[in-house]
Amino acid sequence: MSRGGTIEIEQEQTISAKCGTAVHEWAHELLHKNDRGQGKQQRELEAEAVAFAVLTYYGMQPGSQFYLASYGITGEMLSATMQTISTTARQIIEWIEGGAAKEEEEAGDAGLQADQAA
């Protein structure tokens, strides 16, 4: 759940569920911060489908089918928004991957500086 830009994650959740919650709420921020006049069902479809795509990319097992079923999401609804889901999932994955690459680069730079100082 997110409130005022802060994501709240239940500590009892599995790692996969925690990641799913974080990505779901992140997708809401990216897609729905500027209201496009969508109903709750459409917003939840997009956010959860993005979370499903990102978690699946990283080999995690999301429980998205149950969440989506609770909102009465149909295959046709999902198909109609695949471009939005794909674009947003790719954006999140690229950010994650870019952040990991940047951390590796910074760690390498720190190691090089330490070697040069010695």
PDB file of N, CA and C in Angstrom:
ATOM      1  N   MET A   1       0.853  -1.163   0.000  1.00  0.00           N
ATOM      2  CA  MET A   1       0.000   0.000   0.000  1.00  0.00           C
ATOM      3  C   MET A   1       0.900   1.227   0.000  1.00  0.00           C
ATOM      4  N   SER A   2       0.495   2.256  -0.720  1.00  0.00           N
ATOM      5  CA  SER A   2       1.269   3.498  -0.700  1.00  0.00           C
ATOM      6  C   SER A   2       0.381   4.639  -0.230  1.00  0.00           C
ATOM      7  N   ARG A   3       1.016   5.504   0.510  1.00  0.00           N
ATOM      8  CA  ARG A   3       0.329   6.694   1.022  1.00  0.00           C
ATOM      9  C   ARG A   3       1.296   7.853   0.948  1.00  0.00           C
ATOM     10  N   GLY A   4       0.905   8.867   0.220  1.00  0.00           N
ATOM     11  CA  GLY A   4       1.720  10.070   0.157  1.00  0.00           C
ATOM     12  C   GLY A   4       3.143   9.840  -0.293  1.00  0.00           C
ATOM     13  N   GLY A   5       3.340   8.935  -1.242  1.00  0.00           N
ATOM     14  CA  GLY A   5       4.675   8.677  -1.764  1.00  0.00           C
ATOM     15  C   GLY A   5       5.487   7.682  -0.951  1.00  0.00           C
ATOM     16  N   THR A   6       4.907   7.113   0.103  1.00  0.00           N
ATOM     17  CA  THR A   6       5.583   6.116   0.924  1.00  0.00           C
ATOM     18  C   THR A   6       4.898   4.769   0.737  1.00  0.00           C
ATOM     19  N   ILE A   7       5.685   3.741   0.491  1.00  0.00           N
ATOM     20  CA  ILE A   7       5.143   2.389   0.313  1.00  0.00           C
ATOM     21  C   ILE A   7       5.258   1.645   1.633  1.00  0.00           C
ATOM     22  N   GLU A   8       4.144   1.085   2.081  1.00  0.00           N
ATOM     23  CA  GLU A   8       4.124   0.289   3.305  1.00  0.00           C
ATOM     24  C   GLU A   8       4.062  -1.184   2.915  1.00  0.00           C
ATOM     25  N   ILE A   9       5.004  -1.969   3.431  1.00  0.00           N
ATOM     26  CA  ILE A   9       5.070  -3.399   3.118  1.00  0.00           C
ATOM     27  C   ILE A   9       5.009  -4.178   4.416  1.00  0.00           C
ATOM     28  N   GLU A  10       4.109  -5.141   4.470  1.00  0.00           N
ATOM     29  CA  GLU A  10       3.984  -5.976   5.662  1.00  0.00           C
ATOM     30  C   GLU A  10       5.226  -6.845   5.814  1.00  0.00           C
ATOM     31  N   GLN A  11       5.836  -6.809   6.980  1.00  0.00           N
ATOM     32  CA  GLN A  11       7.067  -7.546   7.229  1.00  0.00           C
ATOM     33  C   GLN A  11       6.882  -9.062   7.194  1.00  0.00           C
ATOM     34  N   GLU A  12       5.658  -9.532   7.393  1.00  0.00           N
ATOM     35  CA  GLU A  12       5.392 -10.970   7.409  1.00  0.00           C
ATOM     36  C   GLU A  12       5.393 -11.576   6.011  1.00  0.00           C
ATOM     37  N   GLN A  13       5.369 -10.734   4.973  1.00  0.00           N
ATOM     38  CA  GLN A  13       5.312 -11.234   3.602  1.00  0.00           C
ATOM     39  C   GLN A  13       6.615 -11.909   3.208  1.00  0.00           C
ATOM     40  N   THR A  14       6.513 -12.820   2.223  1.00  0.00           N
ATOM     41  CA  THR A  14       7.708 -13.439   1.657  1.00  0.00           C
ATOM     42  C   THR A  14       8.477 -12.379   0.867  1.00  0.00           C
ATOM     43  N   ILE A  15       9.714 -12.672   0.534  1.00  0.00           N
ATOM     44  CA  ILE A  15      10.523 -11.752  -0.271  1.00  0.00           C
ATOM     45  C   ILE A  15       9.825 -11.473  -1.597  1.00  0.00           C
ATOM     46  N   SER A  16       9.307 -12.506  -2.231  1.00  0.00           N
ATOM     47  CA  SER A  16       8.611 -12.345  -3.503  1.00  0.00           C
ATOM     48  C   SER A  16       7.405 -11.418  -3.354  1.00  0.00           C
ATOM     49  N   ALA A  17       6.647 -11.604  -2.294  1.00  0.00           N
ATOM     50  CA  ALA A  17       5.471 -10.760  -2.060  1.00  0.00           C
ATOM     51  C   ALA A  17       5.882  -9.315  -1.765  1.00  0.00           C
ATOM     52  N   LYS A  18       6.954  -9.130  -1.007  1.00  0.00           N
ATOM     53  CA  LYS A  18       7.451  -7.777  -0.721  1.00  0.00           C
ATOM     54  C   LYS A  18       7.884  -7.086  -2.016  1.00  0.00           C
ATOM     55  N   CYS A  19       8.604  -7.812  -2.869  1.00  0.00           N
ATOM     56  CA  CYS A  19       9.029  -7.246  -4.149  1.00  0.00           C
ATOM     57  C   CYS A  19       7.818  -6.925  -5.017  1.00  0.00           C
ATOM     58  N   GLY A  20       6.839  -7.825  -5.008  1.00  0.00           N
ATOM     59  CA  GLY A  20       5.626  -7.606  -5.782  1.00  0.00           C
ATOM     60  C   GLY A  20       4.874  -6.367  -5.330  1.00  0.00           C
ATOM     61  N   THR A  21       4.778  -6.180  -4.029  1.00  0.00           N
ATOM     62  CA  THR A  21       4.105  -4.992  -3.481  1.00  0.00           C
ATOM     63  C   THR A  21       4.850  -3.728  -3.901  1.00  0.00           C
ATOM     64  N   ALA A  22       6.172  -3.744  -3.768  1.00  0.00           N
ATOM     65  CA  ALA A  22       6.967  -2.574  -4.115  1.00  0.00           C
ATOM     66  C   ALA A  22       6.813  -2.220  -5.593  1.00  0.00           C
ATOM     67  N   VAL A  23       6.899  -3.220  -6.469  1.00  0.00           N
ATOM     68  CA  VAL A  23       6.794  -2.952  -7.903  1.00  0.00           C
ATOM     69  C   VAL A  23       5.378  -2.529  -8.267  1.00  0.00           C
ATOM     70  N   HIS A  24       4.375  -3.149  -7.657  1.00  0.00           N
ATOM     71  CA  HIS A  24       2.974  -2.781  -7.895  1.00  0.00           C
ATOM     72  C   HIS A  24       2.761  -1.297  -7.578  1.00  0.00           C
ATOM     73  N   GLU A  25       3.229  -0.870  -6.425  1.00  0.00           N
ATOM     74  CA  GLU A  25       3.044   0.524  -6.018  1.00  0.00           C
ATOM     75  C   GLU A  25       3.892   1.470  -6.861  1.00  0.00           C
ATOM     76  N   TRP A  26       5.068   1.029  -7.257  1.00  0.00           N
ATOM     77  CA  TRP A  26       5.932   1.813  -8.140  1.00  0.00           C
ATOM     78  C   TRP A  26       5.227   2.017  -9.481  1.00  0.00           C
ATOM     79  N   ALA A  27       4.602   0.965  -9.984  1.00  0.00           N
ATOM     80  CA  ALA A  27       3.850   1.065 -11.239  1.00  0.00           C
ATOM     81  C   ALA A  27       2.709   2.074 -11.103  1.00  0.00           C
ATOM     82  N   HIS A  28       2.021   2.059  -9.971  1.00  0.00           N
ATOM     83  CA  HIS A  28       0.976   3.072  -9.746  1.00  0.00           C
ATOM     84  C   HIS A  28       1.567   4.479  -9.851  1.00  0.00           C
ATOM     85  N   GLU A  29       2.717   4.688  -9.237  1.00  0.00           N
ATOM     86  CA  GLU A  29       3.348   6.011  -9.286  1.00  0.00           C
ATOM     87  C   GLU A  29       3.677   6.414 -10.720  1.00  0.00           C
ATOM     88  N   LEU A  30       4.219   5.492 -11.488  1.00  0.00           N
ATOM     89  CA  LEU A  30       4.592   5.797 -12.862  1.00  0.00           C
ATOM     90  C   LEU A  30       3.378   6.009 -13.764  1.00  0.00           C
ATOM     91  N   LEU A  31       2.368   5.184 -13.568  1.00  0.00           N
ATOM     92  CA  LEU A  31       1.215   5.183 -14.479  1.00  0.00           C
ATOM     93  C   LEU A  31       0.065   6.077 -14.053  1.00  0.00           C
ATOM     94  N   HIS A  32      -0.134   6.237 -12.769  1.00  0.00           N
ATOM     95  CA  HIS A  32      -1.387   6.826 -12.301  1.00  0.00           C
ATOM     96  C   HIS A  32      -1.220   8.089 -11.467  1.00  0.00           C
ATOM     97  N   LYS A  33      -0.006   8.572 -11.343  1.00  0.00           N
ATOM     98  CA  LYS A  33       0.205   9.790 -10.563  1.00  0.00           C
ATOM     99  C   LYS A  33      -0.570  10.945 -11.177  1.00  0.00           C
ATOM    100  N   ASN A  34      -0.519  11.037 -12.496  1.00  0.00           N
ATOM    101  CA  ASN A  34      -1.324  12.016 -13.223  1.00  0.00           C
ATOM    102  C   ASN A  34      -2.549  11.281 -13.727  1.00  0.00           C
ATOM    103  N   ASP A  35      -3.640  11.435 -13.050  1.00  0.00           N
ATOM    104  CA  ASP A  35      -4.870  10.692 -13.334  1.00  0.00           C
ATOM    105  C   ASP A  35      -5.259  10.781 -14.806  1.00  0.00           C
ATOM    106  N   ARG A  36      -5.406   9.611 -15.432  1.00  0.00           N
ATOM    107  CA  ARG A  36      -5.825   9.538 -16.832  1.00  0.00           C
ATOM    108  C   ARG A  36      -7.312   9.208 -16.930  1.00  0.00           C
ATOM    109  N   GLY A  37      -8.036   9.377 -15.836  1.00  0.00           N
ATOM    110  CA  GLY A  37      -9.474   9.143 -15.848  1.00  0.00           C
ATOM    111  C   GLY A  37      -9.861   7.683 -15.851  1.00  0.00           C
ATOM    112  N   GLN A  38      -8.976   6.815 -15.385  1.00  0.00           N
ATOM    113  CA  GLN A  38      -9.259   5.382 -15.357  1.00  0.00           C
ATOM    114  C   GLN A  38      -9.969   5.007 -14.073  1.00  0.00           C
ATOM    115  N   GLY A  39     -10.730   3.943 -14.153  1.00  0.00           N
ATOM    116  CA  GLY A  39     -11.356   3.400 -12.962  1.00  0.00           C
ATOM    117  C   GLY A  39     -10.369   2.568 -12.161  1.00  0.00           C
ATOM    118  N   LYS A  40     -10.761   2.229 -10.957  1.00  0.00           N
ATOM    119  CA  LYS A  40      -9.894   1.440 -10.070  1.00  0.00           C
ATOM    120  C   LYS A  40      -9.531   0.096 -10.697  1.00  0.00           C
ATOM    121  N   GLN A  41     -10.481  -0.552 -11.340  1.00  0.00           N
ATOM    122  CA  GLN A  41     -10.224  -1.852 -11.957  1.00  0.00           C
ATOM    123  C   GLN A  41      -9.080  -1.754 -12.977  1.00  0.00           C
ATOM    124  N   GLN A  42      -9.115  -0.743 -13.822  1.00  0.00           N
ATOM    125  CA  GLN A  42      -8.063  -0.565 -14.836  1.00  0.00           C
ATOM    126  C   GLN A  42      -6.728  -0.232 -14.199  1.00  0.00           C
ATOM    127  N   ARG A  43      -6.731   0.616 -13.189  1.00  0.00           N
ATOM    128  CA  ARG A  43      -5.478   0.978 -12.513  1.00  0.00           C
ATOM    129  C   ARG A  43      -4.845  -0.239 -11.852  1.00  0.00           C
ATOM    130  N   GLU A  44      -5.674  -1.052 -11.193  1.00  0.00           N
ATOM    131  CA  GLU A  44      -5.144  -2.245 -10.526  1.00  0.00           C
ATOM    132  C   GLU A  44      -4.654  -3.276 -11.541  1.00  0.00           C
ATOM    133  N   LEU A  45      -5.357  -3.396 -12.655  1.00  0.00           N
ATOM    134  CA  LEU A  45      -4.921  -4.294 -13.727  1.00  0.00           C
ATOM    135  C   LEU A  45      -3.527  -3.907 -14.191  1.00  0.00           C
ATOM    136  N   GLU A  46      -3.332  -2.642 -14.505  1.00  0.00           N
ATOM    137  CA  GLU A  46      -2.039  -2.200 -15.016  1.00  0.00           C
ATOM    138  C   GLU A  46      -0.927  -2.383 -13.984  1.00  0.00           C
ATOM    139  N   ALA A  47      -1.156  -1.964 -12.759  1.00  0.00           N
ATOM    140  CA  ALA A  47      -0.114  -2.048 -11.734  1.00  0.00           C
ATOM    141  C   ALA A  47       0.247  -3.497 -11.423  1.00  0.00           C
ATOM    142  N   GLU A  48      -0.750  -4.355 -11.300  1.00  0.00           N
ATOM    143  CA  GLU A  48      -0.457  -5.749 -10.954  1.00  0.00           C
ATOM    144  C   GLU A  48       0.160  -6.506 -12.113  1.00  0.00           C
ATOM    145  N   ALA A  49      -0.259  -6.201 -13.327  1.00  0.00           N
ATOM    146  CA  ALA A  49       0.330  -6.865 -14.493  1.00  0.00           C
ATOM    147  C   ALA A  49       1.792  -6.441 -14.666  1.00  0.00           C
ATOM    148  N   VAL A  50       2.108  -5.196 -14.380  1.00  0.00           N
ATOM    149  CA  VAL A  50       3.500  -4.748 -14.409  1.00  0.00           C
ATOM    150  C   VAL A  50       4.299  -5.506 -13.354  1.00  0.00           C
ATOM    151  N   ALA A  51       3.764  -5.616 -12.155  1.00  0.00           N
ATOM    152  CA  ALA A  51       4.449  -6.356 -11.083  1.00  0.00           C
ATOM    153  C   ALA A  51       4.676  -7.806 -11.508  1.00  0.00           C
ATOM    154  N   PHE A  52       3.672  -8.424 -12.117  1.00  0.00           N
ATOM    155  CA  PHE A  52       3.804  -9.799 -12.596  1.00  0.00           C
ATOM    156  C   PHE A  52       4.959  -9.900 -13.591  1.00  0.00           C
ATOM    157  N   ALA A  53       5.011  -9.002 -14.561  1.00  0.00           N
ATOM    158  CA  ALA A  53       6.049  -9.047 -15.594  1.00  0.00           C
ATOM    159  C   ALA A  53       7.445  -8.865 -14.997  1.00  0.00           C
ATOM    160  N   VAL A  54       7.588  -7.910 -14.089  1.00  0.00           N
ATOM    161  CA  VAL A  54       8.900  -7.642 -13.492  1.00  0.00           C
ATOM    162  C   VAL A  54       9.337  -8.812 -12.618  1.00  0.00           C
ATOM    163  N   LEU A  55       8.462  -9.315 -11.771  1.00  0.00           N
ATOM    164  CA  LEU A  55       8.828 -10.433 -10.911  1.00  0.00           C
ATOM    165  C   LEU A  55       9.158 -11.679 -11.722  1.00  0.00           C
ATOM    166  N   THR A  56       8.393 -11.929 -12.757  1.00  0.00           N
ATOM    167  CA  THR A  56       8.651 -13.091 -13.611  1.00  0.00           C
ATOM    168  C   THR A  56      10.009 -12.952 -14.293  1.00  0.00           C
ATOM    169  N   TYR A  57      10.348 -11.750 -14.716  1.00  0.00           N
ATOM    170  CA  TYR A  57      11.651 -11.488 -15.333  1.00  0.00           C
ATOM    171  C   TYR A  57      12.780 -11.915 -14.396  1.00  0.00           C
ATOM    172  N   TYR A  58      12.602 -11.677 -13.104  1.00  0.00           N
ATOM    173  CA  TYR A  58      13.624 -12.021 -12.120  1.00  0.00           C
ATOM    174  C   TYR A  58      13.442 -13.413 -11.520  1.00  0.00           C
ATOM    175  N   GLY A  59      12.564 -14.209 -12.107  1.00  0.00           N
ATOM    176  CA  GLY A  59      12.398 -15.595 -11.675  1.00  0.00           C
ATOM    177  C   GLY A  59      11.590 -15.777 -10.405  1.00  0.00           C
ATOM    178  N   MET A  60      10.818 -14.798 -10.028  1.00  0.00           N
ATOM    179  CA  MET A  60       9.977 -14.897  -8.835  1.00  0.00           C
ATOM    180  C   MET A  60       8.573 -15.328  -9.232  1.00  0.00           C
ATOM    181  N   GLN A  61       7.873 -15.922  -8.307  1.00  0.00           N
ATOM    182  CA  GLN A  61       6.518 -16.409  -8.536  1.00  0.00           C
ATOM    183  C   GLN A  61       5.504 -15.465  -7.899  1.00  0.00           C
ATOM    184  N   PRO A  62       4.971 -14.545  -8.674  1.00  0.00           N
ATOM    185  CA  PRO A  62       3.967 -13.626  -8.117  1.00  0.00           C
ATOM    186  C   PRO A  62       2.613 -14.306  -7.967  1.00  0.00           C
ATOM    187  N   GLY A  63       1.794 -13.792  -7.091  1.00  0.00           N
ATOM    188  CA  GLY A  63       0.436 -14.309  -6.910  1.00  0.00           C
ATOM    189  C   GLY A  63      -0.584 -13.457  -7.644  1.00  0.00           C
ATOM    190  N   SER A  64      -0.175 -12.877  -8.744  1.00  0.00           N
ATOM    191  CA  SER A  64      -0.997 -11.895  -9.452  1.00  0.00           C
ATOM    192  C   SER A  64      -2.330 -12.425  -9.943  1.00  0.00           C
ATOM    193  N   GLN A  65      -2.385 -13.684 -10.325  1.00  0.00           N
ATOM    194  CA  GLN A  65      -3.643 -14.206 -10.873  1.00  0.00           C
ATOM    195  C   GLN A  65      -4.779 -14.104  -9.857  1.00  0.00           C
ATOM    196  N   PHE A  66      -4.480 -14.277  -8.599  1.00  0.00           N
ATOM    197  CA  PHE A  66      -5.514 -14.185  -7.568  1.00  0.00           C
ATOM    198  C   PHE A  66      -5.937 -12.733  -7.356  1.00  0.00           C
ATOM    199  N   TYR A  67      -4.959 -11.851  -7.357  1.00  0.00           N
ATOM    200  CA  TYR A  67      -5.243 -10.427  -7.184  1.00  0.00           C
ATOM    201  C   TYR A  67      -6.080  -9.913  -8.348  1.00  0.00           C
ATOM    202  N   LEU A  68      -5.678 -10.249  -9.557  1.00  0.00           N
ATOM    203  CA  LEU A  68      -6.415  -9.800 -10.736  1.00  0.00           C
ATOM    204  C   LEU A  68      -7.817 -10.396 -10.777  1.00  0.00           C
ATOM    205  N   ALA A  69      -7.946 -11.642 -10.383  1.00  0.00           N
ATOM    206  CA  ALA A  69      -9.272 -12.274 -10.361  1.00  0.00           C
ATOM    207  C   ALA A  69     -10.194 -11.567  -9.381  1.00  0.00           C
ATOM    208  N   SER A  70      -9.636 -11.053  -8.294  1.00  0.00           N
ATOM    209  CA  SER A  70     -10.471 -10.372  -7.301  1.00  0.00           C
ATOM    210  C   SER A  70     -11.068  -9.076  -7.859  1.00  0.00           C
ATOM    211  N   TYR A  71     -10.474  -8.549  -8.911  1.00  0.00           N
ATOM    212  CA  TYR A  71     -10.997  -7.346  -9.562  1.00  0.00           C
ATOM    213  C   TYR A  71     -11.797  -7.675 -10.827  1.00  0.00           C
ATOM    214  N   GLY A  72     -12.004  -8.953 -11.112  1.00  0.00           N
ATOM    215  CA  GLY A  72     -12.790  -9.350 -12.272  1.00  0.00           C
ATOM    216  C   GLY A  72     -12.109  -9.035 -13.598  1.00  0.00           C
ATOM    217  N   ILE A  73     -10.789  -9.115 -13.626  1.00  0.00           N
ATOM    218  CA  ILE A  73     -10.027  -8.809 -14.842  1.00  0.00           C
ATOM    219  C   ILE A  73     -10.187  -9.957 -15.837  1.00  0.00           C
ATOM    220  N   THR A  74     -10.446  -9.606 -17.083  1.00  0.00           N
ATOM    221  CA  THR A  74     -10.593 -10.619 -18.143  1.00  0.00           C
ATOM    222  C   THR A  74      -9.367 -10.605 -19.045  1.00  0.00           C
ATOM    223  N   GLY A  75      -9.211 -11.641 -19.817  1.00  0.00           N
ATOM    224  CA  GLY A  75      -8.120 -11.720 -20.781  1.00  0.00           C
ATOM    225  C   GLY A  75      -8.170 -10.592 -21.793  1.00  0.00           C
ATOM    226  N   GLU A  76      -9.373 -10.214 -22.185  1.00  0.00           N
ATOM    227  CA  GLU A  76      -9.519  -9.123 -23.153  1.00  0.00           C
ATOM    228  C   GLU A  76      -9.037  -7.799 -22.567  1.00  0.00           C
ATOM    229  N   MET A  77      -9.335  -7.571 -21.292  1.00  0.00           N
ATOM    230  CA  MET A  77      -8.891  -6.346 -20.632  1.00  0.00           C
ATOM    231  C   MET A  77      -7.363  -6.312 -20.569  1.00  0.00           C
ATOM    232  N   LEU A  78      -6.792  -7.444 -20.256  1.00  0.00           N
ATOM    233  CA  LEU A  78      -5.337  -7.547 -20.171  1.00  0.00           C
ATOM    234  C   LEU A  78      -4.702  -7.303 -21.543  1.00  0.00           C
ATOM    235  N   SER A  79      -5.237  -7.922 -22.566  1.00  0.00           N
ATOM    236  CA  SER A  79      -4.701  -7.756 -23.918  1.00  0.00           C
ATOM    237  C   SER A  79      -4.757  -6.306 -24.378  1.00  0.00           C
ATOM    238  N   ALA A  80      -5.813  -5.607 -24.015  1.00  0.00           N
ATOM    239  CA  ALA A  80      -6.007  -4.231 -24.465  1.00  0.00           C
ATOM    240  C   ALA A  80      -4.968  -3.268 -23.891  1.00  0.00           C
ATOM    241  N   THR A  81      -4.325  -3.636 -22.812  1.00  0.00           N
ATOM    242  CA  THR A  81      -3.364  -2.720 -22.171  1.00  0.00           C
ATOM    243  C   THR A  81      -1.934  -3.258 -22.166  1.00  0.00           C
ATOM    244  N   MET A  82      -1.665  -4.249 -23.003  1.00  0.00           N
ATOM    245  CA  MET A  82      -0.340  -4.878 -23.015  1.00  0.00           C
ATOM    246  C   MET A  82       0.796  -3.907 -23.338  1.00  0.00           C
ATOM    247  N   GLN A  83       0.562  -2.952 -24.210  1.00  0.00           N
ATOM    248  CA  GLN A  83       1.620  -1.996 -24.560  1.00  0.00           C
ATOM    249  C   GLN A  83       2.014  -1.170 -23.341  1.00  0.00           C
ATOM    250  N   THR A  84       1.028  -0.706 -22.595  1.00  0.00           N
ATOM    251  CA  THR A  84       1.298   0.081 -21.385  1.00  0.00           C
ATOM    252  C   THR A  84       2.036  -0.762 -20.357  1.00  0.00           C
ATOM    253  N   ILE A  85       1.583  -1.990 -20.176  1.00  0.00           N
ATOM    254  CA  ILE A  85       2.208  -2.906 -19.208  1.00  0.00           C
ATOM    255  C   ILE A  85       3.651  -3.182 -19.598  1.00  0.00           C
ATOM    256  N   SER A  86       3.872  -3.510 -20.866  1.00  0.00           N
ATOM    257  CA  SER A  86       5.207  -3.833 -21.362  1.00  0.00           C
ATOM    258  C   SER A  86       6.168  -2.661 -21.219  1.00  0.00           C
ATOM    259  N   THR A  87       5.728  -1.496 -21.619  1.00  0.00           N
ATOM    260  CA  THR A  87       6.569  -0.299 -21.547  1.00  0.00           C
ATOM    261  C   THR A  87       6.953   0.021 -20.107  1.00  0.00           C
ATOM    262  N   THR A  88       5.997  -0.068 -19.207  1.00  0.00           N
ATOM    263  CA  THR A  88       6.254   0.264 -17.802  1.00  0.00           C
ATOM    264  C   THR A  88       7.137  -0.786 -17.145  1.00  0.00           C
ATOM    265  N   ALA A  89       6.895  -2.062 -17.426  1.00  0.00           N
ATOM    266  CA  ALA A  89       7.738  -3.124 -16.872  1.00  0.00           C
ATOM    267  C   ALA A  89       9.175  -2.960 -17.355  1.00  0.00           C
ATOM    268  N   ARG A  90       9.345  -2.666 -18.631  1.00  0.00           N
ATOM    269  CA  ARG A  90      10.682  -2.460 -19.188  1.00  0.00           C
ATOM    270  C   ARG A  90      11.364  -1.274 -18.509  1.00  0.00           C
ATOM    271  N   GLN A  91      10.621  -0.218 -18.268  1.00  0.00           N
ATOM    272  CA  GLN A  91      11.174   0.974 -17.610  1.00  0.00           C
ATOM    273  C   GLN A  91      11.681   0.629 -16.203  1.00  0.00           C
ATOM    274  N   ILE A  92      10.900  -0.132 -15.459  1.00  0.00           N
ATOM    275  CA  ILE A  92      11.302  -0.518 -14.098  1.00  0.00           C
ATOM    276  C   ILE A  92      12.517  -1.443 -14.140  1.00  0.00           C
ATOM    277  N   ILE A  93      12.505  -2.422 -15.031  1.00  0.00           N
ATOM    278  CA  ILE A  93      13.638  -3.358 -15.138  1.00  0.00           C
ATOM    279  C   ILE A  93      14.903  -2.606 -15.525  1.00  0.00           C
ATOM    280  N   GLU A  94      14.799  -1.697 -16.480  1.00  0.00           N
ATOM    281  CA  GLU A  94      15.972  -0.922 -16.891  1.00  0.00           C
ATOM    282  C   GLU A  94      16.490  -0.067 -15.737  1.00  0.00           C
ATOM    283  N   TRP A  95      15.602   0.480 -14.927  1.00  0.00           N
ATOM    284  CA  TRP A  95      16.028   1.260 -13.781  1.00  0.00           C
ATOM    285  C   TRP A  95      16.757   0.365 -12.779  1.00  0.00           C
ATOM    286  N   ILE A  96      16.180  -0.803 -12.506  1.00  0.00           N
ATOM    287  CA  ILE A  96      16.812  -1.747 -11.572  1.00  0.00           C
ATOM    288  C   ILE A  96      18.178  -2.156 -12.094  1.00  0.00           C
ATOM    289  N   GLU A  97      18.228  -2.555 -13.353  1.00  0.00           N
ATOM    290  CA  GLU A  97      19.485  -3.003 -13.952  1.00  0.00           C
ATOM    291  C   GLU A  97      20.503  -1.868 -13.997  1.00  0.00           C
ATOM    292  N   GLY A  98      20.055  -0.676 -14.332  1.00  0.00           N
ATOM    293  CA  GLY A  98      20.948   0.486 -14.365  1.00  0.00           C
ATOM    294  C   GLY A  98      21.479   0.825 -12.998  1.00  0.00           C
ATOM    295  N   GLY A  99      20.620   0.718 -11.984  1.00  0.00           N
ATOM    296  CA  GLY A  99      21.047   0.978 -10.616  1.00  0.00           C
ATOM    297  C   GLY A  99      22.071  -0.036 -10.151  1.00  0.00           C
ATOM    298  N   ALA A 100      21.887  -1.299 -10.534  1.00  0.00           N
ATOM    299  CA  ALA A 100      22.846  -2.343 -10.156  1.00  0.00           C
ATOM    300  C   ALA A 100      24.182  -2.108 -10.855  1.00  0.00           C
ATOM    301  N   ALA A 101      24.120  -1.726 -12.138  1.00  0.00           N
ATOM    302  CA  ALA A 101      25.349  -1.462 -12.883  1.00  0.00           C
ATOM    303  C   ALA A 101      26.091  -0.267 -12.289  1.00  0.00           C
ATOM    304  N   LYS A 102      25.342   0.761 -11.887  1.00  0.00           N
ATOM    305  CA  LYS A 102      25.958   1.949 -11.302  1.00  0.00           C
ATOM    306  C   LYS A 102      26.634   1.601  -9.980  1.00  0.00           C
ATOM    307  N   GLU A 103      25.970   0.770  -9.153  1.00  0.00           N
ATOM    308  CA  GLU A 103      26.572   0.364  -7.880  1.00  0.00           C
ATOM    309  C   GLU A 103      27.849  -0.422  -8.114  1.00  0.00           C
ATOM    310  N   GLU A 104      27.837  -1.330  -9.117  1.00  0.00           N
ATOM    311  CA  GLU A 104      29.032  -2.106  -9.430  1.00  0.00           C
ATOM    312  C   GLU A 104      30.157  -1.187  -9.891  1.00  0.00           C
ATOM    313  N   GLU A 105      29.814  -0.204 -10.725  1.00  0.00           N
ATOM    314  CA  GLU A 105      30.805   0.747 -11.224  1.00  0.00           C
ATOM    315  C   GLU A 105      31.395   1.553 -10.070  1.00  0.00           C
ATOM    316  N   GLU A 106      30.538   2.029  -9.162  1.00  0.00           N
ATOM    317  CA  GLU A 106      31.013   2.803  -8.017  1.00  0.00           C
ATOM    318  C   GLU A 106      31.882   1.953  -7.104  1.00  0.00           C
ATOM    319  N   ALA A 107      31.505   0.685  -6.907  1.00  0.00           N
ATOM    320  CA  ALA A 107      32.308  -0.211  -6.072  1.00  0.00           C
ATOM    321  C   ALA A 107      33.667  -0.446  -6.727  1.00  0.00           C
ATOM    322  N   GLY A 108      33.666  -0.607  -8.041  1.00  0.00           N
ATOM    323  CA  GLY A 108      34.925  -0.788  -8.766  1.00  0.00           C
ATOM    324  C   GLY A 108      35.800   0.449  -8.676  1.00  0.00           C
ATOM    325  N   ASP A 109      35.201   1.636  -8.800  1.00  0.00           N
ATOM    326  CA  ASP A 109      35.946   2.888  -8.680  1.00  0.00           C
ATOM    327  C   ASP A 109      36.544   3.034  -7.283  1.00  0.00           C
ATOM    328  N   ALA A 110      35.795   2.653  -6.254  1.00  0.00           N
ATOM    329  CA  ALA A 110      36.293   2.755  -4.871  1.00  0.00           C
ATOM    330  C   ALA A 110      37.463   1.798  -4.674  1.00  0.00           C
ATOM    331  N   GLY A 111      37.368   0.603  -5.246  1.00  0.00           N
ATOM    332  CA  GLY A 111      38.457  -0.372  -5.142  1.00  0.00           C
ATOM    333  C   GLY A 111      39.688   0.100  -5.857  1.00  0.00           C
ATOM    334  N   LEU A 112      39.510   0.719  -7.035  1.00  0.00           N
ATOM    335  CA  LEU A 112      40.635   1.258  -7.797  1.00  0.00           C
ATOM    336  C   LEU A 112      41.309   2.389  -7.030  1.00  0.00           C
ATOM    337  N   GLN A 113      40.524   3.253  -6.417  1.00  0.00           N
ATOM    338  CA  GLN A 113      41.082   4.357  -5.637  1.00  0.00           C
ATOM    339  C   GLN A 113      41.860   3.825  -4.439  1.00  0.00           C
ATOM    340  N   ALA A 114      41.344   2.792  -3.791  1.00  0.00           N
ATOM    341  CA  ALA A 114      42.033   2.207  -2.649  1.00  0.00           C
ATOM    342  C   ALA A 114      43.342   1.569  -3.090  1.00  0.00           C
ATOM    343  N   ASP A 115      43.349   0.910  -4.259  1.00  0.00           N
ATOM    344  CA  ASP A 115      44.572   0.306  -4.781  1.00  0.00           C
ATOM    345  C   ASP A 115      45.615   1.364  -5.101  1.00  0.00           C
ATOM    346  N   GLN A 116      45.160   2.476  -5.680  1.00  0.00           N
ATOM    347  CA  GLN A 116      46.079   3.547  -6.045  1.00  0.00           C
ATOM    348  C   GLN A 116      46.647   4.226  -4.815  1.00  0.00           C
ATOM    349  N   ALA A 117      45.884   4.293  -3.737  1.00  0.00           N
ATOM    350  CA  ALA A 117      46.334   4.944  -2.510  1.00  0.00           C
ATOM    351  C   ALA A 117      47.371   4.089  -1.791  1.00  0.00           C
ATOM    352  N   ALA A 118      47.323   2.780  -1.986  1.00  0.00           N
ATOM    353  CA  ALA A 118      48.213   1.870  -1.253  1.00  0.00           C
ATOM    354  C   ALA A 118      49.596   1.822  -1.781  1.00  0.00           C
TER     355      ALA A 118
END
